[in-house]
C-alpha atoms as a PDB file:
ATOM      1  CA  UNK A   1     135.780 151.268  90.263  1.00  0.00           C
ATOM      2  CA  UNK A   2     136.871 148.116  88.257  1.00  0.00           C
ATOM      3  CA  UNK A   3     134.046 146.076  89.280  1.00  0.00           C
ATOM      4  CA  UNK A   4     130.857 146.142  87.856  1.00  0.00           C
ATOM      5  CA  UNK A   5     128.710 144.193  90.726  1.00  0.00           C
ATOM      6  CA  UNK A   6     129.031 146.015  93.794  1.00  0.00           C
ATOM      7  CA  UNK A   7     129.548 149.260  94.841  1.00  0.00           C
ATOM      8  CA  UNK A   8     132.318 151.167  96.631  1.00  0.00           C
ATOM      9  CA  UNK A   9     130.462 151.234 100.112  1.00  0.00           C
ATOM     10  CA  UNK A  10     130.477 147.490  99.811  1.00  0.00           C
ATOM     11  CA  UNK A  11     134.429 147.026  99.102  1.00  0.00           C
ATOM     12  CA  UNK A  12     135.631 149.340 101.751  1.00  0.00           C
ATOM     13  CA  UNK A  13     132.983 147.349 104.547  1.00  0.00           C
ATOM     14  CA  UNK A  14     134.446 144.514 103.233  1.00  0.00           C
ATOM     15  CA  UNK A  15     138.328 145.522 103.420  1.00  0.00           C
ATOM     16  CA  UNK A  16     137.563 146.943 106.607  1.00  0.00           C
ATOM     17  CA  UNK A  17     136.006 143.480 108.245  1.00  0.00           C
ATOM     18  CA  UNK A  18     138.788 141.401 106.509  1.00  0.00           C
ATOM     19  CA  UNK A  19     141.550 143.567 108.072  1.00  0.00           C
ATOM     20  CA  UNK A  20     139.884 143.320 111.265  1.00  0.00           C
ATOM     21  CA  UNK A  21     140.089 139.390 111.094  1.00  0.00           C
ATOM     22  CA  UNK A  22     143.803 139.656 109.962  1.00  0.00           C
ATOM     23  CA  UNK A  23     144.214 142.006 112.892  1.00  0.00           C
ATOM     24  CA  UNK A  24     142.804 139.443 115.455  1.00  0.00           C
ATOM     25  CA  UNK A  25     144.465 136.344 114.094  1.00  0.00           C
ATOM     26  CA  UNK A  26     147.692 138.089 114.108  1.00  0.00           C
ATOM     27  CA  UNK A  27     147.204 139.450 117.908  1.00  0.00           C
ATOM     28  CA  UNK A  28     146.516 135.818 118.994  1.00  0.00           C
ATOM     29  CA  UNK A  29     149.842 134.270 117.002  1.00  0.00           C
ATOM     30  CA  UNK A  30     151.714 137.108 118.919  1.00  0.00           C
ATOM     31  CA  UNK A  31     150.132 136.787 122.191  1.00  0.00           C
ATOM     32  CA  UNK A  32     150.892 132.713 122.345  1.00  0.00           C
ATOM     33  CA  UNK A  33     147.222 132.079 122.136  1.00  0.00           C
ATOM     34  CA  UNK A  34     147.631 129.746 119.229  1.00  0.00           C
ATOM     35  CA  UNK A  35     148.852 126.155 119.880  1.00  0.00           C
ATOM     36  CA  UNK A  36     151.786 124.809 118.125  1.00  0.00           C
ATOM     37  CA  UNK A  37     150.029 122.646 115.431  1.00  0.00           C
ATOM     38  CA  UNK A  38     147.627 125.138 114.567  1.00  0.00           C
ATOM     39  CA  UNK A  39     149.626 128.137 114.082  1.00  0.00           C
ATOM     40  CA  UNK A  40     150.459 127.136 110.150  1.00  0.00           C
ATOM     41  CA  UNK A  41     146.739 127.134 109.374  1.00  0.00           C
ATOM     42  CA  UNK A  42     146.330 130.144 111.121  1.00  0.00           C
ATOM     43  CA  UNK A  43     149.200 131.773 109.486  1.00  0.00           C
ATOM     44  CA  UNK A  44     148.040 130.662 106.197  1.00  0.00           C
ATOM     45  CA  UNK A  45     144.452 131.833 106.815  1.00  0.00           C
ATOM     46  CA  UNK A  46     146.428 134.916 107.139  1.00  0.00           C
ATOM     47  CA  UNK A  47     147.781 135.214 104.259  1.00  0.00           C
ATOM     48  CA  UNK A  48     144.320 133.707 102.063  1.00  0.00           C
ATOM     49  CA  UNK A  49     142.846 136.843 103.711  1.00  0.00           C
ATOM     50  CA  UNK A  50     145.231 139.246 102.154  1.00  0.00           C
ATOM     51  CA  UNK A  51     144.948 137.430  98.702  1.00  0.00           C
ATOM     52  CA  UNK A  52     141.542 138.391  98.807  1.00  0.00           C
ATOM     53  CA  UNK A  53     142.334 141.409 100.149  1.00  0.00           C
ATOM     54  CA  UNK A  54     144.692 142.396  97.324  1.00  0.00           C
ATOM     55  CA  UNK A  55     141.807 140.971  94.654  1.00  0.00           C
ATOM     56  CA  UNK A  56     138.968 143.107  96.217  1.00  0.00           C
ATOM     57  CA  UNK A  57     141.089 146.322  96.088  1.00  0.00           C
ATOM     58  CA  UNK A  58     141.827 145.583  92.416  1.00  0.00           C
ATOM     59  CA  UNK A  59     138.419 145.589  92.082  1.00  0.00           C
ATOM     60  CA  UNK A  60     137.601 148.378  93.810  1.00  0.00           C
ATOM     61  CA  UNK A  61     140.242 150.101  91.560  1.00  0.00           C
ATOM     62  CA  UNK A  62     142.853 150.952  93.695  1.00  0.00           C
ATOM     63  CA  UNK A  63     146.168 151.797  92.005  1.00  0.00           C
ATOM     64  CA  UNK A  64     148.208 149.280  90.727  1.00  0.00           C
ATOM     65  CA  UNK A  65     151.302 150.531  91.909  1.00  0.00           C
ATOM     66  CA  UNK A  66     150.268 150.077  95.550  1.00  0.00           C
ATOM     67  CA  UNK A  67     148.878 146.746  94.454  1.00  0.00           C
ATOM     68  CA  UNK A  68     152.337 145.523  93.172  1.00  0.00           C
ATOM     69  CA  UNK A  69     153.710 146.352  96.631  1.00  0.00           C
ATOM     70  CA  UNK A  70     151.476 144.005  98.498  1.00  0.00           C
ATOM     71  CA  UNK A  71     151.900 141.435  95.801  1.00  0.00           C
ATOM     72  CA  UNK A  72     155.615 141.576  96.396  1.00  0.00           C
ATOM     73  CA  UNK A  73     154.874 141.274 100.405  1.00  0.00           C
ATOM     74  CA  UNK A  74     152.442 138.056  99.524  1.00  0.00           C
ATOM     75  CA  UNK A  75     154.702 136.073  97.444  1.00  0.00           C
ATOM     76  CA  UNK A  76     157.686 136.337  99.983  1.00  0.00           C
ATOM     77  CA  UNK A  77     155.527 134.974 102.526  1.00  0.00           C
ATOM     78  CA  UNK A  78     153.822 132.163 100.062  1.00  0.00           C
ATOM     79  CA  UNK A  79     156.421 129.629 100.401  1.00  0.00           C
ATOM     80  CA  UNK A  80     155.717 129.575 104.157  1.00  0.00           C
ATOM     81  CA  UNK A  81     152.527 128.875 103.917  1.00  0.00           C
ATOM     82  CA  UNK A  82     152.376 126.892 100.580  1.00  0.00           C
ATOM     83  CA  UNK A  83     150.343 124.303 100.048  1.00  0.00           C
ATOM     84  CA  UNK A  84     150.369 121.587  97.427  1.00  0.00           C
ATOM     85  CA  UNK A  85     146.575 120.404  96.873  1.00  0.00           C
ATOM     86  CA  UNK A  86     145.668 124.297  96.647  1.00  0.00           C
ATOM     87  CA  UNK A  87     145.812 124.593  92.783  1.00  0.00           C
ATOM     88  CA  UNK A  88     143.451 127.739  92.797  1.00  0.00           C
ATOM     89  CA  UNK A  89     145.621 129.666  95.083  1.00  0.00           C
ATOM     90  CA  UNK A  90     148.642 128.702  92.975  1.00  0.00           C
ATOM     91  CA  UNK A  91     147.431 129.773  89.901  1.00  0.00           C
ATOM     92  CA  UNK A  92     145.997 132.703  91.193  1.00  0.00           C
ATOM     93  CA  UNK A  93     149.750 133.579  92.970  1.00  0.00           C
ATOM     94  CA  UNK A  94     151.590 132.797  89.859  1.00  0.00           C
ATOM     95  CA  UNK A  95     149.049 134.352  87.219  1.00  0.00           C
ATOM     96  CA  UNK A  96     149.464 137.696  89.389  1.00  0.00           C
ATOM     97  CA  UNK A  97     153.180 137.289  89.326  1.00  0.00           C
ATOM     98  CA  UNK A  98     153.338 137.408  85.645  1.00  0.00           C
ATOM     99  CA  UNK A  99     151.045 140.379  85.434  1.00  0.00           C
ATOM    100  CA  UNK A 100     152.850 142.237  88.230  1.00  0.00           C
ATOM    101  CA  UNK A 101     156.477 140.825  87.133  1.00  0.00           C
ATOM    102  CA  UNK A 102     157.085 139.290  90.266  1.00  0.00           C
ATOM    103  CA  UNK A 103     160.509 138.108  91.894  1.00  0.00           C
ATOM    104  CA  UNK A 104     161.925 135.833  89.292  1.00  0.00           C
ATOM    105  CA  UNK A 105     164.171 134.186  92.432  1.00  0.00           C
ATOM    106  CA  UNK A 106     160.906 133.765  94.474  1.00  0.00           C
ATOM    107  CA  UNK A 107     159.052 132.169  91.314  1.00  0.00           C
ATOM    108  CA  UNK A 108     162.332 129.457  90.788  1.00  0.00           C
ATOM    109  CA  UNK A 109     161.868 128.724  94.488  1.00  0.00           C
ATOM    110  CA  UNK A 110     158.116 127.816  93.718  1.00  0.00           C
ATOM    111  CA  UNK A 111     158.961 125.808  90.873  1.00  0.00           C
ATOM    112  CA  UNK A 112     161.426 124.064  92.830  1.00  0.00           C
ATOM    113  CA  UNK A 113     158.399 123.385  94.986  1.00  0.00           C
ATOM    114  CA  UNK A 114     155.762 121.909  92.436  1.00  0.00           C
ATOM    115  CA  UNK A 115     158.580 119.609  91.256  1.00  0.00           C
ATOM    116  CA  UNK A 116     159.112 118.560  95.008  1.00  0.00           C
ATOM    117  CA  UNK A 117     155.502 117.490  95.611  1.00  0.00           C
ATOM    118  CA  UNK A 118     155.409 115.982  91.963  1.00  0.00           C
ATOM    119  CA  UNK A 119     152.796 118.423  90.596  1.00  0.00           C
ATOM    120  CA  UNK A 120     152.842 118.230  87.014  1.00  0.00           C
ATOM    121  CA  UNK A 121     150.506 120.464  85.523  1.00  0.00           C
ATOM    122  CA  UNK A 122     150.995 122.061  82.090  1.00  0.00           C
ATOM    123  CA  UNK A 123     149.202 125.228  82.945  1.00  0.00           C
ATOM    124  CA  UNK A 124     151.294 125.883  86.313  1.00  0.00           C
ATOM    125  CA  UNK A 125     154.230 124.753  84.420  1.00  0.00           C
ATOM    126  CA  UNK A 126     153.612 126.969  81.352  1.00  0.00           C
ATOM    127  CA  UNK A 127     153.515 129.849  83.543  1.00  0.00           C
ATOM    128  CA  UNK A 128     156.104 129.766  85.737  1.00  0.00           C
ATOM    129  CA  UNK A 129     158.796 128.564  83.127  1.00  0.00           C
ATOM    130  CA  UNK A 130     157.503 131.618  80.923  1.00  0.00           C
ATOM    131  CA  UNK A 131     157.676 133.752  84.043  1.00  0.00           C
ATOM    132  CA  UNK A 132     160.927 132.839  85.277  1.00  0.00           C
ATOM    133  CA  UNK A 133     162.575 132.573  81.471  1.00  0.00           C
ATOM    134  CA  UNK A 134     163.330 128.627  81.093  1.00  0.00           C
ATOM    135  CA  UNK A 135     162.522 126.364  78.710  1.00  0.00           C
ATOM    136  CA  UNK A 136     159.702 123.901  79.156  1.00  0.00           C
ATOM    137  CA  UNK A 137     160.605 120.272  79.326  1.00  0.00           C
ATOM    138  CA  UNK A 138     157.417 119.055  77.283  1.00  0.00           C
ATOM    139  CA  UNK A 139     155.643 121.843  75.359  1.00  0.00           C
ATOM    140  CA  UNK A 140     152.626 119.557  75.334  1.00  0.00           C
ATOM    141  CA  UNK A 141     151.743 117.828  78.568  1.00  0.00           C
ATOM    142  CA  UNK A 142     148.425 117.084  80.686  1.00  0.00           C
ATOM    143  CA  UNK A 143     146.463 119.248  82.532  1.00  0.00           C
ATOM    144  CA  UNK A 144     145.077 118.308  86.030  1.00  0.00           C
ATOM    145  CA  UNK A 145     141.520 120.019  85.560  1.00  0.00           C
ATOM    146  CA  UNK A 146     141.614 120.029  81.783  1.00  0.00           C
ATOM    147  CA  UNK A 147     137.814 120.251  81.705  1.00  0.00           C
ATOM    148  CA  UNK A 148     138.807 123.767  83.414  1.00  0.00           C
ATOM    149  CA  UNK A 149     141.743 124.764  81.288  1.00  0.00           C
ATOM    150  CA  UNK A 150     141.928 122.875  77.978  1.00  0.00           C
ATOM    151  CA  UNK A 151     140.877 126.391  76.084  1.00  0.00           C
ATOM    152  CA  UNK A 152     143.792 127.623  77.691  1.00  0.00           C
ATOM    153  CA  UNK A 153     146.079 125.171  76.590  1.00  0.00           C
ATOM    154  CA  UNK A 154     144.673 125.717  72.810  1.00  0.00           C
ATOM    155  CA  UNK A 155     145.236 129.388  73.101  1.00  0.00           C
ATOM    156  CA  UNK A 156     149.204 128.567  73.620  1.00  0.00           C
ATOM    157  CA  UNK A 157     149.331 125.602  71.301  1.00  0.00           C
ATOM    158  CA  UNK A 158     147.156 126.665  68.570  1.00  0.00           C
ATOM    159  CA  UNK A 159     146.640 129.070  66.207  1.00  0.00           C
ATOM    160  CA  UNK A 160     143.044 129.857  66.648  1.00  0.00           C
ATOM    161  CA  UNK A 161     143.770 132.235  70.212  1.00  0.00           C
ATOM    162  CA  UNK A 162     141.352 134.794  69.589  1.00  0.00           C
ATOM    163  CA  UNK A 163     138.325 132.410  69.518  1.00  0.00           C
ATOM    164  CA  UNK A 164     139.847 130.406  72.231  1.00  0.00           C
ATOM    165  CA  UNK A 165     140.479 132.965  74.747  1.00  0.00           C
ATOM    166  CA  UNK A 166     136.893 134.870  73.594  1.00  0.00           C
ATOM    167  CA  UNK A 167     135.163 131.161  74.395  1.00  0.00           C
ATOM    168  CA  UNK A 168     137.441 130.718  77.509  1.00  0.00           C
ATOM    169  CA  UNK A 169     136.151 134.006  79.017  1.00  0.00           C
ATOM    170  CA  UNK A 170     132.617 134.203  78.210  1.00  0.00           C
ATOM    171  CA  UNK A 171     132.265 130.627  79.868  1.00  0.00           C
ATOM    172  CA  UNK A 172     134.449 131.542  82.533  1.00  0.00           C
ATOM    173  CA  UNK A 173     131.951 132.433  85.600  1.00  0.00           C
ATOM    174  CA  UNK A 174     129.873 129.123  85.984  1.00  0.00           C
ATOM    175  CA  UNK A 175     127.898 126.874  88.281  1.00  0.00           C
ATOM    176  CA  UNK A 176     131.205 124.691  89.822  1.00  0.00           C
ATOM    177  CA  UNK A 177     133.678 127.262  90.116  1.00  0.00           C
ATOM    178  CA  UNK A 178     134.620 127.982  93.365  1.00  0.00           C
ATOM    179  CA  UNK A 179     133.442 131.711  93.502  1.00  0.00           C
ATOM    180  CA  UNK A 180     130.177 130.914  91.651  1.00  0.00           C
ATOM    181  CA  UNK A 181     127.521 133.127  92.984  1.00  0.00           C
ATOM    182  CA  UNK A 182     129.517 134.480  95.548  1.00  0.00           C
ATOM    183  CA  UNK A 183     128.085 138.460  95.233  1.00  0.00           C
ATOM    184  CA  UNK A 184     124.747 136.826  96.289  1.00  0.00           C
ATOM    185  CA  UNK A 185     125.857 135.760 100.088  1.00  0.00           C
ATOM    186  CA  UNK A 186     124.572 137.444 102.783  1.00  0.00           C
ATOM    187  CA  UNK A 187     128.015 137.034 104.224  1.00  0.00           C
ATOM    188  CA  UNK A 188     130.949 139.739 102.724  1.00  0.00           C
ATOM    189  CA  UNK A 189     132.643 136.851 100.826  1.00  0.00           C
ATOM    190  CA  UNK A 190     132.827 138.589  97.393  1.00  0.00           C
ATOM    191  CA  UNK A 191     136.179 140.135  96.460  1.00  0.00           C
ATOM    192  CA  UNK A 192     135.627 140.366  92.511  1.00  0.00           C
ATOM    193  CA  UNK A 193     135.518 137.823  89.652  1.00  0.00           C
ATOM    194  CA  UNK A 194     138.880 138.056  87.814  1.00  0.00           C
ATOM    195  CA  UNK A 195     140.549 135.676  85.282  1.00  0.00           C
ATOM    196  CA  UNK A 196     144.122 136.734  86.035  1.00  0.00           C
ATOM    197  CA  UNK A 197     145.132 133.223  84.268  1.00  0.00           C
ATOM    198  CA  UNK A 198     143.982 134.737  80.997  1.00  0.00           C
ATOM    199  CA  UNK A 199     145.269 137.964  81.635  1.00  0.00           C
ATOM    200  CA  UNK A 200     148.824 136.122  82.212  1.00  0.00           C
ATOM    201  CA  UNK A 201     148.825 134.094  79.188  1.00  0.00           C
ATOM    202  CA  UNK A 202     147.648 137.302  77.023  1.00  0.00           C
ATOM    203  CA  UNK A 203     150.909 139.246  78.356  1.00  0.00           C
ATOM    204  CA  UNK A 204     153.175 136.253  77.801  1.00  0.00           C
ATOM    205  CA  UNK A 205     152.055 135.625  74.262  1.00  0.00           C
ATOM    206  CA  UNK A 206     152.197 139.002  73.279  1.00  0.00           C
ATOM    207  CA  UNK A 207     148.745 138.962  72.221  1.00  0.00           C
ATOM    208  CA  UNK A 208     146.264 141.817  70.863  1.00  0.00           C
ATOM    209  CA  UNK A 209     143.439 141.906  73.609  1.00  0.00           C
ATOM    210  CA  UNK A 210     141.401 144.676  72.170  1.00  0.00           C
ATOM    211  CA  UNK A 211     138.371 142.265  71.830  1.00  0.00           C
ATOM    212  CA  UNK A 212     138.819 141.405  75.176  1.00  0.00           C
ATOM    213  CA  UNK A 213     139.134 144.685  76.944  1.00  0.00           C
ATOM    214  CA  UNK A 214     135.245 145.227  78.031  1.00  0.00           C
ATOM    215  CA  UNK A 215     134.770 141.676  78.499  1.00  0.00           C
ATOM    216  CA  UNK A 216     133.628 140.813  81.899  1.00  0.00           C
ATOM    217  CA  UNK A 217     136.557 138.738  84.183  1.00  0.00           C
ATOM    218  CA  UNK A 218     139.307 140.391  81.756  1.00  0.00           C
ATOM    219  CA  UNK A 219     141.617 142.204  84.088  1.00  0.00           C
ATOM    220  CA  UNK A 220     142.752 144.719  81.072  1.00  0.00           C
ATOM    221  CA  UNK A 221     144.560 147.401  82.684  1.00  0.00           C
ATOM    222  CA  UNK A 222     146.674 145.070  84.580  1.00  0.00           C
ATOM    223  CA  UNK A 223     147.559 142.985  81.535  1.00  0.00           C
ATOM    224  CA  UNK A 224     148.870 146.637  80.295  1.00  0.00           C
ATOM    225  CA  UNK A 225     150.257 147.836  83.565  1.00  0.00           C
ATOM    226  CA  UNK A 226     154.049 147.127  82.913  1.00  0.00           C
ATOM    227  CA  UNK A 227     153.517 148.855  79.394  1.00  0.00           C
ATOM    228  CA  UNK A 228     152.224 151.839  80.780  1.00  0.00           C
ATOM    229  CA  UNK A 229     154.601 152.514  83.673  1.00  0.00           C
ATOM    230  CA  UNK A 230     157.919 151.721  81.517  1.00  0.00           C
ATOM    231  CA  UNK A 231     156.499 153.508  78.540  1.00  0.00           C
ATOM    232  CA  UNK A 232     156.272 150.687  76.601  1.00  0.00           C
ATOM    233  CA  UNK A 233     154.250 151.186  73.709  1.00  0.00           C
ATOM    234  CA  UNK A 234     153.435 147.834  71.611  1.00  0.00           C
END
């Protein structure tokens, strides 16, 4: 178990229920029960559910090698259900792509989609450009959500990285964030609280994250997954 809030039984039940929802939606699509104008929203919902399942399986403690394969499938299908205004999902998918070392060709496609949609956000651009190995046109730039992510920009652009990372993680879970108090719901909507974006930045910058290892919301083992798998010692 990686999660410290819910137990194994909860996550097993969560995963069973979410998979059942995916099956119902998929069957309706396959049987022609969904109107043409509703097919894309249903496919998008299925993709969202699968991303939630991936996160829940990480929380449960599943093997990262298995989750890597599931993420690869999600990345392949993301372009077909991509929503320009769903910032949180874009940040999560891109951050996981950095951490899992996702397909660069697909990352380039998503970078092009962001440009086509005129979405100019420093954090998304930094993560994507670093992932695909291209130079950012503007090292600075603006954030769409400066209140939420200015500290992460500070991590990259200044030398006070350790302090900024600790500060960001210490206030990551707060009232106003989309997942706030999900674990208290009577419904099974909680799949874990993880700051994958911090992990992605730490990995990209090659930072010493020893002090972050035991901090809540920090996916330490995922940050070091590729190092361990490929036998890299830093």
